[in-house]
Amino acid sequence: MHARSYLGFLVVNVLRK
């Protein structure tokens, strides 16, 4: 599991909000 990829995805989602 790549936690970094998951965290990055969540961060991008929040920023794109």
PDB file of N, CA and C in Angstrom:
ATOM      1  N   MET A   1       0.847  -1.220   0.000  1.00  0.00           N
ATOM      2  CA  MET A   1       0.000   0.000   0.000  1.00  0.00           C
ATOM      3  C   MET A   1       0.876   1.261   0.000  1.00  0.00           C
ATOM      4  N   HIS A   2       0.569   2.158  -0.892  1.00  0.00           N
ATOM      5  CA  HIS A   2       1.354   3.404  -0.940  1.00  0.00           C
ATOM      6  C   HIS A   2       0.603   4.527  -0.218  1.00  0.00           C
ATOM      7  N   ALA A   3       0.923   4.708   1.039  1.00  0.00           N
ATOM      8  CA  ALA A   3       0.238   5.757   1.816  1.00  0.00           C
ATOM      9  C   ALA A   3       0.486   7.131   1.188  1.00  0.00           C
ATOM     10  N   ARG A   4       1.702   7.309   0.660  1.00  0.00           N
ATOM     11  CA  ARG A   4       2.039   8.621   0.083  1.00  0.00           C
ATOM     12  C   ARG A   4       1.105   8.937  -1.084  1.00  0.00           C
ATOM     13  N   SER A   5       0.853   7.949  -1.914  1.00  0.00           N
ATOM     14  CA  SER A   5      -0.023   8.171  -3.072  1.00  0.00           C
ATOM     15  C   SER A   5      -1.429   8.520  -2.591  1.00  0.00           C
ATOM     16  N   TYR A   6      -1.877   7.786  -1.592  1.00  0.00           N
ATOM     17  CA  TYR A   6      -3.233   8.026  -1.066  1.00  0.00           C
ATOM     18  C   TYR A   6      -3.333   9.430  -0.461  1.00  0.00           C
ATOM     19  N   LEU A   7      -2.336   9.783   0.344  1.00  0.00           N
ATOM     20  CA  LEU A   7      -2.360  11.107   0.976  1.00  0.00           C
ATOM     21  C   LEU A   7      -2.321  12.197  -0.092  1.00  0.00           C
ATOM     22  N   GLY A   8      -1.476  12.000  -1.083  1.00  0.00           N
ATOM     23  CA  GLY A   8      -1.378  12.990  -2.159  1.00  0.00           C
ATOM     24  C   GLY A   8      -2.706  13.153  -2.866  1.00  0.00           C
ATOM     25  N   PHE A   9      -3.387  12.032  -3.097  1.00  0.00           N
ATOM     26  CA  PHE A   9      -4.689  12.086  -3.774  1.00  0.00           C
ATOM     27  C   PHE A   9      -5.688  12.896  -2.951  1.00  0.00           C
ATOM     28  N   LEU A  10      -5.699  12.638  -1.665  1.00  0.00           N
ATOM     29  CA  LEU A  10      -6.634  13.370  -0.781  1.00  0.00           C
ATOM     30  C   LEU A  10      -6.299  14.862  -0.769  1.00  0.00           C
ATOM     31  N   VAL A  11      -5.020  15.163  -0.691  1.00  0.00           N
ATOM     32  CA  VAL A  11      -4.593  16.572  -0.665  1.00  0.00           C
ATOM     33  C   VAL A  11      -5.021  17.274  -1.946  1.00  0.00           C
ATOM     34  N   VAL A  12      -4.802  16.620  -3.072  1.00  0.00           N
ATOM     35  CA  VAL A  12      -5.173  17.222  -4.361  1.00  0.00           C
ATOM     36  C   VAL A  12      -6.672  17.463  -4.403  1.00  0.00           C
ATOM     37  N   ASN A  13      -7.434  16.516  -3.874  1.00  0.00           N
ATOM     38  CA  ASN A  13      -8.891  16.673  -3.872  1.00  0.00           C
ATOM     39  C   ASN A  13      -9.291  17.899  -3.057  1.00  0.00           C
ATOM     40  N   VAL A  14      -8.692  18.045  -1.897  1.00  0.00           N
ATOM     41  CA  VAL A  14      -9.024  19.195  -1.038  1.00  0.00           C
ATOM     42  C   VAL A  14      -8.621  20.508  -1.706  1.00  0.00           C
ATOM     43  N   LEU A  15      -7.448  20.513  -2.323  1.00  0.00           N
ATOM     44  CA  LEU A  15      -6.967  21.743  -2.973  1.00  0.00           C
ATOM     45  C   LEU A  15      -7.829  22.075  -4.193  1.00  0.00           C
ATOM     46  N   ARG A  16      -8.279  21.020  -4.890  1.00  0.00           N
ATOM     47  CA  ARG A  16      -9.100  21.263  -6.099  1.00  0.00           C
ATOM     48  C   ARG A  16     -10.507  21.694  -5.693  1.00  0.00           C
ATOM     49  N   LYS A  17     -10.804  21.598  -4.395  1.00  0.00           N
ATOM     50  CA  LYS A  17     -12.147  21.991  -3.941  1.00  0.00           C
ATOM     51  C   LYS A  17     -12.276  23.502  -4.159  1.00  0.00           C
TER      52      LYS A  17
END
